[in-house]
Amino acid sequence: MTSSVEASIDGDEAIAMRDFSASLPMALLQTREAAMQLFRPLLAEHDLTEQQWRVLRALSANLEPLEVGAIVDATFLLAPSLSRILKDLETRQLVRRSPVATDQRRAEISLTTAGYELVALVAPGSEAIYNQIEEAFGDKALKRLLRQLADLRDKTNRILNTPGVSRIELEATNDQS
């Protein structure tokens, strides 16, 4: 553990846990919020929410249409939220929903021409913000950080998928962070 703090419940039993300032989930959330503050004005200028932009970016990054489940995986949106977002994007004629040829119950989502045009319109502003971040943080440092975050993600996913480690044990461990 990095530095730790002992808290107590009713003065009885001490609870040892890492200092709140050393909480990885909180540090990631704070960093995400700081970064998103840079992007929000650009998105608002184009009448987009962060979640809508994530969907448009995921679709624009793929040459083929994506099934809803693949969009959920790519954007970390909950399925009910994604459903509402897709309805809005469809109403704005930015995405198109088509049934999967082999299973009419499933749908594939793709960008419309207007959707591609909107992504192309927002992209230069987004890249300008990334350039500001790279200038402030350093291009190499940002690339290194992205590699380290991908490595952390992969290793924590391996912990989750380790045989013999139960979800209850992990949840009990997570409650301490």
Protein backbone atom coordinates (compact mmCIF):
# COMPACT_ATOMS: atom_id res chain seq x y z
CA MET A 1 0.00 0.00 0.00
CA THR A 2 1.07 3.55 -0.63
CA SER A 3 0.43 5.73 2.41
CA SER A 4 -2.45 4.51 4.49
CA VAL A 5 -4.96 5.99 6.84
CA GLU A 6 -6.74 4.29 9.67
CA ALA A 7 -10.38 5.17 10.10
CA SER A 8 -12.60 3.81 12.77
CA ILE A 9 -16.26 3.05 13.12
CA ASP A 10 -17.61 4.30 16.43
CA GLY A 11 -14.05 4.37 17.77
CA ASP A 12 -13.86 0.57 17.80
CA GLU A 13 -12.17 -1.24 14.98
CA ALA A 14 -9.58 0.53 12.83
CA ILE A 15 -9.92 0.22 9.05
CA ALA A 16 -6.62 0.29 7.23
CA MET A 17 -6.84 1.65 3.70
CA ARG A 18 -4.74 3.63 1.33
CA ASP A 19 -4.93 7.40 1.48
CA PHE A 20 -7.80 8.79 -0.59
CA SER A 21 -5.34 10.86 -2.64
CA ALA A 22 -3.64 7.59 -3.67
CA SER A 23 -6.88 5.99 -4.93
CA LEU A 24 -6.32 4.85 -8.51
CA PRO A 25 -10.01 5.03 -9.50
CA MET A 26 -10.24 8.60 -8.16
CA ALA A 27 -7.03 9.68 -9.90
CA LEU A 28 -8.33 8.26 -13.18
CA LEU A 29 -11.68 10.02 -12.74
CA GLN A 30 -9.99 13.34 -11.91
CA THR A 31 -7.74 13.06 -14.94
CA ARG A 32 -10.66 12.14 -17.20
CA GLU A 33 -12.60 15.14 -15.94
CA ALA A 34 -9.65 17.48 -16.52
CA ALA A 35 -9.24 16.19 -20.08
CA MET A 36 -12.97 16.31 -20.86
CA GLN A 37 -13.13 19.95 -19.75
CA LEU A 38 -10.99 20.68 -22.78
CA PHE A 39 -13.26 18.76 -25.18
CA ARG A 40 -16.73 19.73 -23.87
CA PRO A 41 -16.87 23.22 -25.46
CA LEU A 42 -16.02 21.70 -28.86
CA LEU A 43 -18.69 19.05 -28.50
CA ALA A 44 -21.26 21.60 -27.30
CA GLU A 45 -20.46 23.78 -30.30
CA HIS A 46 -21.64 20.86 -32.47
CA ASP A 47 -24.59 19.96 -30.21
CA LEU A 48 -23.02 16.68 -29.12
CA THR A 49 -22.80 15.03 -25.74
CA GLU A 50 -19.66 13.17 -24.70
CA GLN A 51 -21.51 9.88 -25.06
CA GLN A 52 -22.81 10.72 -28.55
CA TRP A 53 -19.28 11.64 -29.62
CA ARG A 54 -17.95 8.33 -28.27
CA VAL A 55 -20.50 6.48 -30.41
CA LEU A 56 -19.73 8.55 -33.51
CA ARG A 57 -15.98 8.06 -32.98
CA ALA A 58 -16.37 4.29 -32.52
CA LEU A 59 -18.42 4.04 -35.72
CA SER A 60 -16.03 6.27 -37.68
CA ALA A 61 -13.06 4.14 -36.58
CA ASN A 62 -14.55 1.04 -38.22
CA LEU A 63 -14.98 0.41 -41.92
CA GLU A 64 -17.88 -1.95 -41.33
CA PRO A 65 -21.11 -1.32 -39.42
CA LEU A 66 -21.03 -2.33 -35.76
CA GLU A 67 -23.55 -4.37 -33.84
CA VAL A 68 -24.95 -2.76 -30.73
CA GLY A 69 -22.93 -5.07 -28.45
CA ALA A 70 -19.70 -4.05 -30.17
CA ILE A 71 -20.57 -0.38 -29.64
CA VAL A 72 -21.26 -1.07 -25.96
CA ASP A 73 -17.85 -2.74 -25.67
CA ALA A 74 -16.05 0.04 -27.56
CA THR A 75 -17.66 2.97 -25.74
CA PHE A 76 -18.27 1.59 -22.23
CA LEU A 77 -21.86 2.77 -22.39
CA LEU A 78 -24.62 0.77 -20.75
CA ALA A 79 -27.01 -0.81 -23.26
CA PRO A 80 -30.07 1.21 -22.12
CA SER A 81 -28.09 4.46 -22.44
CA LEU A 82 -26.76 3.45 -25.83
CA SER A 83 -30.29 2.69 -26.98
CA ARG A 84 -31.39 6.25 -26.15
CA ILE A 85 -28.27 7.73 -27.74
CA LEU A 86 -28.78 5.74 -30.94
CA LYS A 87 -32.42 6.87 -31.15
CA ASP A 88 -31.30 10.48 -30.88
CA LEU A 89 -28.53 10.04 -33.45
CA GLU A 90 -31.00 8.30 -35.78
CA THR A 91 -33.48 11.16 -35.37
CA ARG A 92 -30.67 13.56 -36.31
CA GLN A 93 -29.91 11.28 -39.28
CA LEU A 94 -26.31 10.77 -38.16
CA VAL A 95 -26.54 6.97 -37.88
CA ARG A 96 -28.47 4.25 -39.67
CA ARG A 97 -29.76 1.05 -38.10
CA SER A 98 -30.00 -2.03 -40.34
CA PRO A 99 -30.97 -5.59 -39.46
CA VAL A 100 -28.15 -8.15 -39.45
CA ALA A 101 -28.59 -10.30 -42.57
CA THR A 102 -28.25 -13.59 -40.66
CA ASP A 103 -30.41 -12.59 -37.67
CA GLN A 104 -33.20 -10.04 -38.08
CA ARG A 105 -33.41 -9.60 -34.29
CA ARG A 106 -29.96 -7.99 -34.22
CA ALA A 107 -29.03 -4.62 -35.68
CA GLU A 108 -25.93 -3.13 -37.25
CA ILE A 109 -25.26 0.56 -36.84
CA SER A 110 -23.36 2.68 -39.32
CA LEU A 111 -22.72 6.36 -39.89
CA THR A 112 -24.76 8.15 -42.52
CA THR A 113 -23.14 10.65 -44.86
CA ALA A 114 -24.24 13.39 -42.44
CA GLY A 115 -22.62 11.44 -39.59
CA TYR A 116 -19.32 11.18 -41.45
CA GLU A 117 -19.52 14.88 -42.31
CA LEU A 118 -20.07 15.78 -38.66
CA VAL A 119 -17.12 13.65 -37.51
CA ALA A 120 -14.99 15.29 -40.23
CA LEU A 121 -16.14 18.72 -39.02
CA VAL A 122 -15.33 18.02 -35.35
CA ALA A 123 -12.06 16.13 -35.99
CA PRO A 124 -9.78 19.15 -36.59
CA GLY A 125 -10.89 20.77 -33.32
CA SER A 126 -10.41 17.48 -31.49
CA GLU A 127 -6.93 17.10 -32.94
CA ALA A 128 -6.09 20.68 -31.97
CA ILE A 129 -7.02 19.85 -28.37
CA TYR A 130 -4.87 16.70 -28.49
CA ASN A 131 -2.01 18.85 -29.80
CA GLN A 132 -2.43 21.21 -26.82
CA ILE A 133 -2.34 18.25 -24.44
CA GLU A 134 0.76 16.85 -26.15
CA GLU A 135 2.43 20.26 -25.99
CA ALA A 136 1.65 20.64 -22.28
CA PHE A 137 2.38 17.06 -21.23
CA GLY A 138 4.87 16.02 -23.89
CA ASP A 139 4.28 13.83 -26.92
CA LYS A 140 6.49 11.01 -25.65
CA ALA A 141 5.05 11.26 -22.14
CA LEU A 142 1.49 11.02 -23.50
CA LYS A 143 2.37 8.00 -25.65
CA ARG A 144 4.07 6.38 -22.65
CA LEU A 145 1.04 7.12 -20.44
CA LEU A 146 -1.34 5.60 -23.00
CA ARG A 147 0.85 2.47 -23.18
CA GLN A 148 0.96 2.26 -19.37
CA LEU A 149 -2.82 2.67 -19.12
CA ALA A 150 -3.34 -0.08 -21.71
CA ASP A 151 -0.94 -2.30 -19.74
CA LEU A 152 -2.78 -1.54 -16.47
CA ARG A 153 -6.12 -2.31 -18.16
CA ASP A 154 -4.81 -5.62 -19.51
CA LYS A 155 -3.30 -6.65 -16.18
CA THR A 156 -6.41 -5.77 -14.18
CA ASN A 157 -8.50 -7.70 -16.70
CA ARG A 158 -6.19 -10.68 -16.15
CA ILE A 159 -6.74 -10.40 -12.41
CA LEU A 160 -10.49 -10.50 -13.02
CA ASN A 161 -10.10 -13.58 -15.19
CA THR A 162 -7.69 -15.44 -12.90
CA PRO A 163 -9.03 -18.92 -12.03
CA GLY A 164 -9.56 -19.36 -8.33
CA VAL A 165 -10.10 -15.68 -7.62
CA SER A 166 -13.74 -15.17 -6.80
CA ARG A 167 -15.69 -12.00 -7.52
CA ILE A 168 -16.49 -11.74 -3.79
CA GLU A 169 -12.76 -11.68 -2.94
CA LEU A 170 -12.18 -9.02 -5.59
CA GLU A 171 -15.15 -6.96 -4.41
CA ALA A 172 -13.90 -7.15 -0.83
CA THR A 173 -10.47 -6.04 -2.04
CA ASN A 174 -12.03 -3.27 -4.17
CA ASP A 175 -13.99 -1.96 -1.21
CA GLN A 176 -10.63 -0.97 0.30
CA SER A 177 -9.67 1.27 -2.62
